[in-house]
Amino acid sequence: MTSTWNDIDVAIIAAERTLLDPAIRTDRAVLERWLAPEFTEIGQSGTFWTRDAVLHDLTTTDQTIYAEAVLTEPRVTRLGHDLFLLTYVVEIGDRRSRRSSIWRQTGGQLRMVFNQGTPLTR
């Protein structure tokens, strides 16, 4: 069931936007707080990424292009008591992708447990 806009929806969307910030994307300590220990990702290329691989990649490559990132069409769906699916479109330069991320709230803290990106054609 899709939730109405409420505090948790706003918090999840804000958290996702935070992770698009180039300064955050290159700060390993901050990323470790946002990404759950079991975090995994399937990238736009289809590559499977572990948390450690994502942390290494983000903190050792140029992330400045993400300053242009625009997140649109956010939709939050509750999957369980403390588990939420966020789907959205992100545009970065001339590239667009539909993304989905799963967020878990534990003890008042949100952490991403999964992310997937699918390229979109114009």
PDB file of N, CA and C in Angstrom:
ATOM      1  N   MET A   1       0.836  -1.167   0.000  1.00  0.00           N
ATOM      2  CA  MET A   1       0.000   0.000   0.000  1.00  0.00           C
ATOM      3  C   MET A   1       0.892   1.245   0.000  1.00  0.00           C
ATOM      4  N   THR A   2       0.568   2.203  -0.845  1.00  0.00           N
ATOM      5  CA  THR A   2       1.325   3.441  -0.907  1.00  0.00           C
ATOM      6  C   THR A   2       0.880   4.353   0.220  1.00  0.00           C
ATOM      7  N   SER A   3       1.829   4.906   0.920  1.00  0.00           N
ATOM      8  CA  SER A   3       1.497   5.772   2.044  1.00  0.00           C
ATOM      9  C   SER A   3       1.137   7.167   1.567  1.00  0.00           C
ATOM     10  N   THR A   4       0.418   7.890   2.406  1.00  0.00           N
ATOM     11  CA  THR A   4       0.204   9.305   2.148  1.00  0.00           C
ATOM     12  C   THR A   4       1.457  10.025   2.609  1.00  0.00           C
ATOM     13  N   TRP A   5       1.606  11.267   2.182  1.00  0.00           N
ATOM     14  CA  TRP A   5       2.780  12.029   2.612  1.00  0.00           C
ATOM     15  C   TRP A   5       2.704  12.251   4.106  1.00  0.00           C
ATOM     16  N   ASN A   6       3.661  11.718   4.801  1.00  0.00           N
ATOM     17  CA  ASN A   6       3.734  11.910   6.242  1.00  0.00           C
ATOM     18  C   ASN A   6       5.197  12.089   6.623  1.00  0.00           C
ATOM     19  N   ASP A   7       5.446  12.157   7.900  1.00  0.00           N
ATOM     20  CA  ASP A   7       6.809  12.441   8.367  1.00  0.00           C
ATOM     21  C   ASP A   7       7.840  11.442   7.857  1.00  0.00           C
ATOM     22  N   ILE A   8       7.514  10.152   7.852  1.00  0.00           N
ATOM     23  CA  ILE A   8       8.494   9.150   7.417  1.00  0.00           C
ATOM     24  C   ILE A   8       8.775   9.287   5.920  1.00  0.00           C
ATOM     25  N   ASP A   9       7.739   9.561   5.129  1.00  0.00           N
ATOM     26  CA  ASP A   9       7.946   9.761   3.693  1.00  0.00           C
ATOM     27  C   ASP A   9       8.895  10.928   3.446  1.00  0.00           C
ATOM     28  N   VAL A  10       8.620  12.030   4.109  1.00  0.00           N
ATOM     29  CA  VAL A  10       9.452  13.226   3.960  1.00  0.00           C
ATOM     30  C   VAL A  10      10.887  12.929   4.389  1.00  0.00           C
ATOM     31  N   ALA A  11      11.059  12.200   5.477  1.00  0.00           N
ATOM     32  CA  ALA A  11      12.396  11.868   5.977  1.00  0.00           C
ATOM     33  C   ALA A  11      13.155  10.968   4.999  1.00  0.00           C
ATOM     34  N   ILE A  12      12.471   9.998   4.409  1.00  0.00           N
ATOM     35  CA  ILE A  12      13.121   9.086   3.459  1.00  0.00           C
ATOM     36  C   ILE A  12      13.551   9.838   2.206  1.00  0.00           C
ATOM     37  N   ILE A  13      12.676  10.671   1.677  1.00  0.00           N
ATOM     38  CA  ILE A  13      13.018  11.446   0.478  1.00  0.00           C
ATOM     39  C   ILE A  13      14.174  12.397   0.782  1.00  0.00           C
ATOM     40  N   ALA A  14      14.145  13.024   1.932  1.00  0.00           N
ATOM     41  CA  ALA A  14      15.245  13.917   2.330  1.00  0.00           C
ATOM     42  C   ALA A  14      16.551  13.140   2.468  1.00  0.00           C
ATOM     43  N   ALA A  15      16.494  11.934   3.024  1.00  0.00           N
ATOM     44  CA  ALA A  15      17.694  11.107   3.169  1.00  0.00           C
ATOM     45  C   ALA A  15      18.266  10.749   1.800  1.00  0.00           C
ATOM     46  N   GLU A  16      17.394  10.390   0.874  1.00  0.00           N
ATOM     47  CA  GLU A  16      17.848  10.053  -0.480  1.00  0.00           C
ATOM     48  C   GLU A  16      18.502  11.267  -1.133  1.00  0.00           C
ATOM     49  N   ARG A  17      17.891  12.425  -0.980  1.00  0.00           N
ATOM     50  CA  ARG A  17      18.482  13.653  -1.539  1.00  0.00           C
ATOM     51  C   ARG A  17      19.844  13.936  -0.893  1.00  0.00           C
ATOM     52  N   THR A  18      19.953  13.680   0.388  1.00  0.00           N
ATOM     53  CA  THR A  18      21.228  13.871   1.084  1.00  0.00           C
ATOM     54  C   THR A  18      22.313  13.014   0.444  1.00  0.00           C
ATOM     55  N   LEU A  19      21.963  11.776   0.102  1.00  0.00           N
ATOM     56  CA  LEU A  19      22.952  10.864  -0.481  1.00  0.00           C
ATOM     57  C   LEU A  19      23.336  11.234  -1.912  1.00  0.00           C
ATOM     58  N   LEU A  20      22.619  12.170  -2.521  1.00  0.00           N
ATOM     59  CA  LEU A  20      22.998  12.665  -3.844  1.00  0.00           C
ATOM     60  C   LEU A  20      23.972  13.843  -3.757  1.00  0.00           C
ATOM     61  N   ASP A  21      24.186  14.362  -2.578  1.00  0.00           N
ATOM     62  CA  ASP A  21      25.080  15.507  -2.367  1.00  0.00           C
ATOM     63  C   ASP A  21      26.537  15.060  -2.535  1.00  0.00           C
ATOM     64  N   PRO A  22      27.295  15.707  -3.446  1.00  0.00           N
ATOM     65  CA  PRO A  22      28.685  15.297  -3.667  1.00  0.00           C
ATOM     66  C   PRO A  22      29.535  15.287  -2.396  1.00  0.00           C
ATOM     67  N   ALA A  23      29.308  16.219  -1.488  1.00  0.00           N
ATOM     68  CA  ALA A  23      30.094  16.258  -0.244  1.00  0.00           C
ATOM     69  C   ALA A  23      29.804  15.045   0.630  1.00  0.00           C
ATOM     70  N   ILE A  24      28.571  14.587   0.630  1.00  0.00           N
ATOM     71  CA  ILE A  24      28.188  13.401   1.403  1.00  0.00           C
ATOM     72  C   ILE A  24      28.730  12.147   0.728  1.00  0.00           C
ATOM     73  N   ARG A  25      28.643  12.107  -0.600  1.00  0.00           N
ATOM     74  CA  ARG A  25      29.050  10.925  -1.362  1.00  0.00           C
ATOM     75  C   ARG A  25      30.541  10.616  -1.220  1.00  0.00           C
ATOM     76  N   THR A  26      31.324  11.580  -0.794  1.00  0.00           N
ATOM     77  CA  THR A  26      32.765  11.356  -0.652  1.00  0.00           C
ATOM     78  C   THR A  26      33.209  11.276   0.807  1.00  0.00           C
ATOM     79  N   ASP A  27      32.276  11.307   1.723  1.00  0.00           N
ATOM     80  CA  ASP A  27      32.581  11.255   3.162  1.00  0.00           C
ATOM     81  C   ASP A  27      32.255   9.862   3.698  1.00  0.00           C
ATOM     82  N   ARG A  28      33.259   9.035   3.813  1.00  0.00           N
ATOM     83  CA  ARG A  28      33.054   7.636   4.207  1.00  0.00           C
ATOM     84  C   ARG A  28      32.334   7.498   5.545  1.00  0.00           C
ATOM     85  N   ALA A  29      32.693   8.299   6.524  1.00  0.00           N
ATOM     86  CA  ALA A  29      32.066   8.198   7.848  1.00  0.00           C
ATOM     87  C   ALA A  29      30.569   8.480   7.771  1.00  0.00           C
ATOM     88  N   VAL A  30      30.190   9.470   7.002  1.00  0.00           N
ATOM     89  CA  VAL A  30      28.763   9.792   6.847  1.00  0.00           C
ATOM     90  C   VAL A  30      28.058   8.673   6.083  1.00  0.00           C
ATOM     91  N   LEU A  31      28.667   8.207   5.001  1.00  0.00           N
ATOM     92  CA  LEU A  31      28.067   7.117   4.224  1.00  0.00           C
ATOM     93  C   LEU A  31      27.864   5.869   5.074  1.00  0.00           C
ATOM     94  N   GLU A  32      28.822   5.565   5.929  1.00  0.00           N
ATOM     95  CA  GLU A  32      28.696   4.382   6.786  1.00  0.00           C
ATOM     96  C   GLU A  32      27.504   4.492   7.730  1.00  0.00           C
ATOM     97  N   ARG A  33      27.143   5.713   8.112  1.00  0.00           N
ATOM     98  CA  ARG A  33      25.957   5.896   8.965  1.00  0.00           C
ATOM     99  C   ARG A  33      24.664   5.708   8.178  1.00  0.00           C
ATOM    100  N   TRP A  34      24.663   6.084   6.895  1.00  0.00           N
ATOM    101  CA  TRP A  34      23.452   5.990   6.077  1.00  0.00           C
ATOM    102  C   TRP A  34      23.236   4.601   5.473  1.00  0.00           C
ATOM    103  N   LEU A  35      24.306   3.881   5.160  1.00  0.00           N
ATOM    104  CA  LEU A  35      24.183   2.576   4.498  1.00  0.00           C
ATOM    105  C   LEU A  35      24.263   1.460   5.533  1.00  0.00           C
ATOM    106  N   ALA A  36      23.238   0.625   5.563  1.00  0.00           N
ATOM    107  CA  ALA A  36      23.193  -0.492   6.506  1.00  0.00           C
ATOM    108  C   ALA A  36      24.360  -1.445   6.240  1.00  0.00           C
ATOM    109  N   PRO A  37      24.815  -2.172   7.259  1.00  0.00           N
ATOM    110  CA  PRO A  37      25.934  -3.104   7.068  1.00  0.00           C
ATOM    111  C   PRO A  37      25.687  -4.118   5.947  1.00  0.00           C
ATOM    112  N   GLU A  38      24.437  -4.518   5.744  1.00  0.00           N
ATOM    113  CA  GLU A  38      24.118  -5.502   4.711  1.00  0.00           C
ATOM    114  C   GLU A  38      23.736  -4.864   3.375  1.00  0.00           C
ATOM    115  N   PHE A  39      23.956  -3.564   3.220  1.00  0.00           N
ATOM    116  CA  PHE A  39      23.598  -2.832   2.003  1.00  0.00           C
ATOM    117  C   PHE A  39      24.179  -3.495   0.759  1.00  0.00           C
ATOM    118  N   THR A  40      23.362  -3.560  -0.293  1.00  0.00           N
ATOM    119  CA  THR A  40      23.810  -3.988  -1.615  1.00  0.00           C
ATOM    120  C   THR A  40      23.162  -3.082  -2.653  1.00  0.00           C
ATOM    121  N   GLU A  41      23.742  -3.092  -3.844  1.00  0.00           N
ATOM    122  CA  GLU A  41      23.224  -2.258  -4.923  1.00  0.00           C
ATOM    123  C   GLU A  41      23.367  -2.989  -6.239  1.00  0.00           C
ATOM    124  N   ILE A  42      22.406  -2.783  -7.112  1.00  0.00           N
ATOM    125  CA  ILE A  42      22.522  -3.206  -8.505  1.00  0.00           C
ATOM    126  C   ILE A  42      22.586  -1.917  -9.311  1.00  0.00           C
ATOM    127  N   GLY A  43      23.734  -1.672  -9.909  1.00  0.00           N
ATOM    128  CA  GLY A  43      23.949  -0.433 -10.647  1.00  0.00           C
ATOM    129  C   GLY A  43      23.231  -0.423 -11.982  1.00  0.00           C
ATOM    130  N   GLN A  44      23.270   0.738 -12.639  1.00  0.00           N
ATOM    131  CA  GLN A  44      22.602   0.892 -13.927  1.00  0.00           C
ATOM    132  C   GLN A  44      23.148  -0.059 -14.982  1.00  0.00           C
ATOM    133  N   SER A  45      24.391  -0.486 -14.817  1.00  0.00           N
ATOM    134  CA  SER A  45      25.006  -1.417 -15.771  1.00  0.00           C
ATOM    135  C   SER A  45      24.616  -2.864 -15.491  1.00  0.00           C
ATOM    136  N   GLY A  46      23.945  -3.090 -14.348  1.00  0.00           N
ATOM    137  CA  GLY A  46      23.604  -4.442 -13.938  1.00  0.00           C
ATOM    138  C   GLY A  46      24.612  -5.037 -12.971  1.00  0.00           C
ATOM    139  N   THR A  47      25.659  -4.290 -12.669  1.00  0.00           N
ATOM    140  CA  THR A  47      26.694  -4.759 -11.755  1.00  0.00           C
ATOM    141  C   THR A  47      26.161  -4.840 -10.333  1.00  0.00           C
ATOM    142  N   PHE A  48      26.469  -5.934  -9.645  1.00  0.00           N
ATOM    143  CA  PHE A  48      26.106  -6.107  -8.235  1.00  0.00           C
ATOM    144  C   PHE A  48      27.225  -5.524  -7.387  1.00  0.00           C
ATOM    145  N   TRP A  49      26.863  -4.654  -6.450  1.00  0.00           N
ATOM    146  CA  TRP A  49      27.832  -3.983  -5.587  1.00  0.00           C
ATOM    147  C   TRP A  49      27.567  -4.340  -4.131  1.00  0.00           C
ATOM    148  N   THR A  50      28.626  -4.599  -3.400  1.00  0.00           N
ATOM    149  CA  THR A  50      28.520  -4.757  -1.950  1.00  0.00           C
ATOM    150  C   THR A  50      28.672  -3.374  -1.303  1.00  0.00           C
ATOM    151  N   ARG A  51      28.372  -3.297  -0.039  1.00  0.00           N
ATOM    152  CA  ARG A  51      28.535  -2.036   0.699  1.00  0.00           C
ATOM    153  C   ARG A  51      29.986  -1.557   0.626  1.00  0.00           C
ATOM    154  N   ASP A  52      30.928  -2.456   0.882  1.00  0.00           N
ATOM    155  CA  ASP A  52      32.342  -2.066   0.856  1.00  0.00           C
ATOM    156  C   ASP A  52      32.762  -1.548  -0.515  1.00  0.00           C
ATOM    157  N   ALA A  53      32.291  -2.191  -1.574  1.00  0.00           N
ATOM    158  CA  ALA A  53      32.642  -1.749  -2.927  1.00  0.00           C
ATOM    159  C   ALA A  53      32.049  -0.374  -3.225  1.00  0.00           C
ATOM    160  N   VAL A  54      30.821  -0.142  -2.796  1.00  0.00           N
ATOM    161  CA  VAL A  54      30.185   1.164  -2.997  1.00  0.00           C
ATOM    162  C   VAL A  54      30.937   2.236  -2.217  1.00  0.00           C
ATOM    163  N   LEU A  55      31.247   1.950  -0.958  1.00  0.00           N
ATOM    164  CA  LEU A  55      31.982   2.923  -0.144  1.00  0.00           C
ATOM    165  C   LEU A  55      33.321   3.274  -0.788  1.00  0.00           C
ATOM    166  N   HIS A  56      34.025   2.272  -1.274  1.00  0.00           N
ATOM    167  CA  HIS A  56      35.315   2.514  -1.925  1.00  0.00           C
ATOM    168  C   HIS A  56      35.128   3.350  -3.190  1.00  0.00           C
ATOM    169  N   ASP A  57      34.175   2.965  -4.028  1.00  0.00           N
ATOM    170  CA  ASP A  57      33.957   3.666  -5.292  1.00  0.00           C
ATOM    171  C   ASP A  57      33.573   5.127  -5.059  1.00  0.00           C
ATOM    172  N   LEU A  58      32.624   5.358  -4.175  1.00  0.00           N
ATOM    173  CA  LEU A  58      32.157   6.727  -3.948  1.00  0.00           C
ATOM    174  C   LEU A  58      33.252   7.622  -3.379  1.00  0.00           C
ATOM    175  N   THR A  59      34.055   7.080  -2.502  1.00  0.00           N
ATOM    176  CA  THR A  59      35.055   7.915  -1.825  1.00  0.00           C
ATOM    177  C   THR A  59      36.371   8.049  -2.595  1.00  0.00           C
ATOM    178  N   THR A  60      36.489   7.357  -3.723  1.00  0.00           N
ATOM    179  CA  THR A  60      37.733   7.447  -4.497  1.00  0.00           C
ATOM    180  C   THR A  60      37.518   7.940  -5.923  1.00  0.00           C
ATOM    181  N   THR A  61      36.284   8.289  -6.276  1.00  0.00           N
ATOM    182  CA  THR A  61      36.017   8.809  -7.620  1.00  0.00           C
ATOM    183  C   THR A  61      35.340  10.176  -7.516  1.00  0.00           C
ATOM    184  N   ASP A  62      35.432  10.937  -8.583  1.00  0.00           N
ATOM    185  CA  ASP A  62      34.869  12.291  -8.626  1.00  0.00           C
ATOM    186  C   ASP A  62      33.338  12.220  -8.597  1.00  0.00           C
ATOM    187  N   GLN A  63      32.737  12.878  -7.644  1.00  0.00           N
ATOM    188  CA  GLN A  63      31.281  12.872  -7.479  1.00  0.00           C
ATOM    189  C   GLN A  63      30.656  14.236  -7.783  1.00  0.00           C
ATOM    190  N   THR A  64      31.432  15.171  -8.335  1.00  0.00           N
ATOM    191  CA  THR A  64      30.926  16.534  -8.529  1.00  0.00           C
ATOM    192  C   THR A  64      29.732  16.607  -9.472  1.00  0.00           C
ATOM    193  N   ILE A  65      29.600  15.681 -10.419  1.00  0.00           N
ATOM    194  CA  ILE A  65      28.460  15.687 -11.338  1.00  0.00           C
ATOM    195  C   ILE A  65      27.138  15.605 -10.571  1.00  0.00           C
ATOM    196  N   TYR A  66      27.173  15.017  -9.382  1.00  0.00           N
ATOM    197  CA  TYR A  66      25.948  14.866  -8.596  1.00  0.00           C
ATOM    198  C   TYR A  66      25.417  16.191  -8.060  1.00  0.00           C
ATOM    199  N   ALA A  67      26.198  17.263  -8.166  1.00  0.00           N
ATOM    200  CA  ALA A  67      25.690  18.588  -7.795  1.00  0.00           C
ATOM    201  C   ALA A  67      24.526  18.980  -8.698  1.00  0.00           C
ATOM    202  N   GLU A  68      24.464  18.377  -9.900  1.00  0.00           N
ATOM    203  CA  GLU A  68      23.391  18.648 -10.859  1.00  0.00           C
ATOM    204  C   GLU A  68      22.186  17.731 -10.670  1.00  0.00           C
ATOM    205  N   ALA A  69      22.248  16.793  -9.769  1.00  0.00           N
ATOM    206  CA  ALA A  69      21.192  15.779  -9.626  1.00  0.00           C
ATOM    207  C   ALA A  69      19.855  16.408  -9.234  1.00  0.00           C
ATOM    208  N   VAL A  70      18.816  15.980  -9.951  1.00  0.00           N
ATOM    209  CA  VAL A  70      17.452  16.419  -9.650  1.00  0.00           C
ATOM    210  C   VAL A  70      16.607  15.169  -9.433  1.00  0.00           C
ATOM    211  N   LEU A  71      16.037  15.049  -8.255  1.00  0.00           N
ATOM    212  CA  LEU A  71      15.198  13.906  -7.892  1.00  0.00           C
ATOM    213  C   LEU A  71      13.738  14.299  -8.095  1.00  0.00           C
ATOM    214  N   THR A  72      13.003  13.506  -8.896  1.00  0.00           N
ATOM    215  CA  THR A  72      11.584  13.774  -9.153  1.00  0.00           C
ATOM    216  C   THR A  72      10.776  12.488  -8.991  1.00  0.00           C
ATOM    217  N   GLU A  73       9.481  12.628  -9.006  1.00  0.00           N
ATOM    218  CA  GLU A  73       8.533  11.508  -8.948  1.00  0.00           C
ATOM    219  C   GLU A  73       8.735  10.589  -7.742  1.00  0.00           C
ATOM    220  N   PRO A  74       9.035  11.136  -6.563  1.00  0.00           N
ATOM    221  CA  PRO A  74       9.226  10.249  -5.408  1.00  0.00           C
ATOM    222  C   PRO A  74       7.923   9.586  -4.978  1.00  0.00           C
ATOM    223  N   ARG A  75       8.032   8.330  -4.615  1.00  0.00           N
ATOM    224  CA  ARG A  75       6.876   7.569  -4.133  1.00  0.00           C
ATOM    225  C   ARG A  75       7.374   6.607  -3.057  1.00  0.00           C
ATOM    226  N   VAL A  76       6.792   6.701  -1.891  1.00  0.00           N
ATOM    227  CA  VAL A  76       7.181   5.844  -0.772  1.00  0.00           C
ATOM    228  C   VAL A  76       6.082   4.823  -0.525  1.00  0.00           C
ATOM    229  N   THR A  77       6.480   3.560  -0.422  1.00  0.00           N
ATOM    230  CA  THR A  77       5.550   2.471  -0.132  1.00  0.00           C
ATOM    231  C   THR A  77       6.052   1.735   1.107  1.00  0.00           C
ATOM    232  N   ARG A  78       5.183   1.533   2.061  1.00  0.00           N
ATOM    233  CA  ARG A  78       5.549   0.776   3.265  1.00  0.00           C
ATOM    234  C   ARG A  78       5.544  -0.711   2.912  1.00  0.00           C
ATOM    235  N   LEU A  79       6.667  -1.383   3.175  1.00  0.00           N
ATOM    236  CA  LEU A  79       6.785  -2.818   2.913  1.00  0.00           C
ATOM    237  C   LEU A  79       6.555  -3.651   4.165  1.00  0.00           C
ATOM    238  N   GLY A  80       6.779  -3.064   5.305  1.00  0.00           N
ATOM    239  CA  GLY A  80       6.629  -3.744   6.586  1.00  0.00           C
ATOM    240  C   GLY A  80       6.623  -2.709   7.684  1.00  0.00           C
ATOM    241  N   HIS A  81       6.647  -3.177   8.917  1.00  0.00           N
ATOM    242  CA  HIS A  81       6.577  -2.258  10.054  1.00  0.00           C
ATOM    243  C   HIS A  81       7.633  -1.159   9.986  1.00  0.00           C
ATOM    244  N   ASP A  82       8.865  -1.521   9.657  1.00  0.00           N
ATOM    245  CA  ASP A  82       9.953  -0.541   9.651  1.00  0.00           C
ATOM    246  C   ASP A  82      10.728  -0.534   8.339  1.00  0.00           C
ATOM    247  N   LEU A  83      10.095  -1.011   7.254  1.00  0.00           N
ATOM    248  CA  LEU A  83      10.753  -1.147   5.960  1.00  0.00           C
ATOM    249  C   LEU A  83       9.955  -0.394   4.904  1.00  0.00           C
ATOM    250  N   PHE A  84      10.673   0.396   4.074  1.00  0.00           N
ATOM    251  CA  PHE A  84      10.017   1.260   3.104  1.00  0.00           C
ATOM    252  C   PHE A  84      10.734   1.198   1.762  1.00  0.00           C
ATOM    253  N   LEU A  85       9.954   1.254   0.686  1.00  0.00           N
ATOM    254  CA  LEU A  85      10.485   1.313  -0.672  1.00  0.00           C
ATOM    255  C   LEU A  85      10.292   2.729  -1.193  1.00  0.00           C
ATOM    256  N   LEU A  86      11.367   3.336  -1.659  1.00  0.00           N
ATOM    257  CA  LEU A  86      11.296   4.633  -2.324  1.00  0.00           C
ATOM    258  C   LEU A  86      11.627   4.421  -3.789  1.00  0.00           C
ATOM    259  N   THR A  87      10.740   4.860  -4.668  1.00  0.00           N
ATOM    260  CA  THR A  87      11.036   4.867  -6.101  1.00  0.00           C
ATOM    261  C   THR A  87      11.036   6.320  -6.554  1.00  0.00           C
ATOM    262  N   TYR A  88      11.881   6.619  -7.524  1.00  0.00           N
ATOM    263  CA  TYR A  88      11.996   7.993  -8.000  1.00  0.00           C
ATOM    264  C   TYR A  88      12.767   8.011  -9.314  1.00  0.00           C
ATOM    265  N   VAL A  89      12.768   9.156  -9.961  1.00  0.00           N
ATOM    266  CA  VAL A  89      13.574   9.388 -11.149  1.00  0.00           C
ATOM    267  C   VAL A  89      14.638  10.404 -10.765  1.00  0.00           C
ATOM    268  N   VAL A  90      15.854  10.165 -11.221  1.00  0.00           N
ATOM    269  CA  VAL A  90      16.921  11.142 -10.997  1.00  0.00           C
ATOM    270  C   VAL A  90      17.518  11.513 -12.350  1.00  0.00           C
ATOM    271  N   GLU A  91      17.739  12.803 -12.523  1.00  0.00           N
ATOM    272  CA  GLU A  91      18.363  13.312 -13.738  1.00  0.00           C
ATOM    273  C   GLU A  91      19.686  13.957 -13.341  1.00  0.00           C
ATOM    274  N   ILE A  92      20.746  13.516 -14.015  1.00  0.00           N
ATOM    275  CA  ILE A  92      22.086  14.042 -13.758  1.00  0.00           C
ATOM    276  C   ILE A  92      22.692  14.365 -15.119  1.00  0.00           C
ATOM    277  N   GLY A  93      22.811  15.638 -15.405  1.00  0.00           N
ATOM    278  CA  GLY A  93      23.275  16.030 -16.730  1.00  0.00           C
ATOM    279  C   GLY A  93      22.269  15.565 -17.766  1.00  0.00           C
ATOM    280  N   ASP A  94      22.738  14.829 -18.769  1.00  0.00           N
ATOM    281  CA  ASP A  94      21.833  14.345 -19.815  1.00  0.00           C
ATOM    282  C   ASP A  94      21.383  12.900 -19.576  1.00  0.00           C
ATOM    283  N   ARG A  95      21.654  12.366 -18.386  1.00  0.00           N
ATOM    284  CA  ARG A  95      21.269  10.981 -18.057  1.00  0.00           C
ATOM    285  C   ARG A  95      20.101  10.971 -17.083  1.00  0.00           C
ATOM    286  N   ARG A  96      19.154  10.081 -17.352  1.00  0.00           N
ATOM    287  CA  ARG A  96      18.017   9.889 -16.449  1.00  0.00           C
ATOM    288  C   ARG A  96      17.953   8.420 -16.069  1.00  0.00           C
ATOM    289  N   SER A  97      17.564   8.154 -14.835  1.00  0.00           N
ATOM    290  CA  SER A  97      17.370   6.767 -14.417  1.00  0.00           C
ATOM    291  C   SER A  97      16.228   6.693 -13.416  1.00  0.00           C
ATOM    292  N   ARG A  98      15.558   5.556 -13.444  1.00  0.00           N
ATOM    293  CA  ARG A  98      14.537   5.269 -12.435  1.00  0.00           C
ATOM    294  C   ARG A  98      15.248   4.460 -11.363  1.00  0.00           C
ATOM    295  N   ARG A  99      15.082   4.885 -10.139  1.00  0.00           N
ATOM    296  CA  ARG A  99      15.783   4.225  -9.045  1.00  0.00           C
ATOM    297  C   ARG A  99      14.800   3.751  -7.991  1.00  0.00           C
ATOM    298  N   SER A 100      15.230   2.736  -7.303  1.00  0.00           N
ATOM    299  CA  SER A 100      14.459   2.242  -6.161  1.00  0.00           C
ATOM    300  C   SER A 100      15.445   1.983  -5.033  1.00  0.00           C
ATOM    301  N   SER A 101      15.012   2.331  -3.847  1.00  0.00           N
ATOM    302  CA  SER A 101      15.840   2.055  -2.679  1.00  0.00           C
ATOM    303  C   SER A 101      14.945   1.566  -1.555  1.00  0.00           C
ATOM    304  N   ILE A 102      15.486   0.669  -0.777  1.00  0.00           N
ATOM    305  CA  ILE A 102      14.763   0.150   0.387  1.00  0.00           C
ATOM    306  C   ILE A 102      15.431   0.729   1.621  1.00  0.00           C
ATOM    307  N   TRP A 103      14.599   1.301   2.482  1.00  0.00           N
ATOM    308  CA  TRP A 103      15.055   1.948   3.708  1.00  0.00           C
ATOM    309  C   TRP A 103      14.467   1.239   4.908  1.00  0.00           C
ATOM    310  N   ARG A 104      15.274   1.117   5.947  1.00  0.00           N
ATOM    311  CA  ARG A 104      14.806   0.534   7.210  1.00  0.00           C
ATOM    312  C   ARG A 104      14.968   1.585   8.307  1.00  0.00           C
ATOM    313  N   GLN A 105      13.943   1.693   9.138  1.00  0.00           N
ATOM    314  CA  GLN A 105      14.015   2.597  10.284  1.00  0.00           C
ATOM    315  C   GLN A 105      14.152   1.759  11.546  1.00  0.00           C
ATOM    316  N   THR A 106      15.251   1.963  12.251  1.00  0.00           N
ATOM    317  CA  THR A 106      15.506   1.241  13.494  1.00  0.00           C
ATOM    318  C   THR A 106      15.919   2.251  14.551  1.00  0.00           C
ATOM    319  N   GLY A 107      15.218   2.249  15.650  1.00  0.00           N
ATOM    320  CA  GLY A 107      15.552   3.171  16.729  1.00  0.00           C
ATOM    321  C   GLY A 107      15.531   4.622  16.298  1.00  0.00           C
ATOM    322  N   GLY A 108      14.638   4.948  15.386  1.00  0.00           N
ATOM    323  CA  GLY A 108      14.523   6.320  14.918  1.00  0.00           C
ATOM    324  C   GLY A 108      15.506   6.710  13.832  1.00  0.00           C
ATOM    325  N   GLN A 109      16.411   5.800  13.450  1.00  0.00           N
ATOM    326  CA  GLN A 109      17.390   6.104  12.407  1.00  0.00           C
ATOM    327  C   GLN A 109      17.057   5.370  11.116  1.00  0.00           C
ATOM    328  N   LEU A 110      17.102   6.095  10.010  1.00  0.00           N
ATOM    329  CA  LEU A 110      16.910   5.504   8.689  1.00  0.00           C
ATOM    330  C   LEU A 110      18.248   5.052   8.129  1.00  0.00           C
ATOM    331  N   ARG A 111      18.238   3.867   7.523  1.00  0.00           N
ATOM    332  CA  ARG A 111      19.428   3.368   6.828  1.00  0.00           C
ATOM    333  C   ARG A 111      18.975   2.671   5.555  1.00  0.00           C
ATOM    334  N   MET A 112      19.718   2.913   4.488  1.00  0.00           N
ATOM    335  CA  MET A 112      19.410   2.276   3.219  1.00  0.00           C
ATOM    336  C   MET A 112      19.972   0.859   3.230  1.00  0.00           C
ATOM    337  N   VAL A 113      19.148  -0.104   2.789  1.00  0.00           N
ATOM    338  CA  VAL A 113      19.609  -1.492   2.733  1.00  0.00           C
ATOM    339  C   VAL A 113      19.782  -1.993   1.298  1.00  0.00           C
ATOM    340  N   PHE A 114      19.172  -1.293   0.326  1.00  0.00           N
ATOM    341  CA  PHE A 114      19.275  -1.730  -1.067  1.00  0.00           C
ATOM    342  C   PHE A 114      19.017  -0.550  -1.982  1.00  0.00           C
ATOM    343  N   ASN A 115      19.681  -0.545  -3.149  1.00  0.00           N
ATOM    344  CA  ASN A 115      19.443   0.470  -4.167  1.00  0.00           C
ATOM    345  C   ASN A 115      19.617  -0.162  -5.532  1.00  0.00           C
ATOM    346  N   GLN A 116      18.782   0.264  -6.481  1.00  0.00           N
ATOM    347  CA  GLN A 116      18.919  -0.198  -7.859  1.00  0.00           C
ATOM    348  C   GLN A 116      18.596   0.948  -8.798  1.00  0.00           C
ATOM    349  N   GLY A 117      19.375   1.057  -9.872  1.00  0.00           N
ATOM    350  CA  GLY A 117      19.141   2.076 -10.887  1.00  0.00           C
ATOM    351  C   GLY A 117      18.917   1.441 -12.242  1.00  0.00           C
ATOM    352  N   THR A 118      17.944   1.973 -12.993  1.00  0.00           N
ATOM    353  CA  THR A 118      17.649   1.504 -14.341  1.00  0.00           C
ATOM    354  C   THR A 118      17.676   2.704 -15.278  1.00  0.00           C
ATOM    355  N   PRO A 119      18.529   2.693 -16.294  1.00  0.00           N
ATOM    356  CA  PRO A 119      18.597   3.832 -17.212  1.00  0.00           C
ATOM    357  C   PRO A 119      17.265   4.043 -17.931  1.00  0.00           C
ATOM    358  N   LEU A 120      16.925   5.305 -18.160  1.00  0.00           N
ATOM    359  CA  LEU A 120      15.726   5.659 -18.916  1.00  0.00           C
ATOM    360  C   LEU A 120      16.150   6.324 -20.217  1.00  0.00           C
ATOM    361  N   THR A 121      15.410   6.046 -21.262  1.00  0.00           N
ATOM    362  CA  THR A 121      15.636   6.756 -22.517  1.00  0.00           C
ATOM    363  C   THR A 121      14.753   7.990 -22.504  1.00  0.00           C
ATOM    364  N   ARG A 122      15.129   8.962 -23.212  1.00  0.00           N
ATOM    365  CA  ARG A 122      14.367  10.221 -23.234  1.00  0.00           C
ATOM    366  C   ARG A 122      13.042  10.042 -23.857  1.00  0.00           C
TER     367      ARG A 122
END
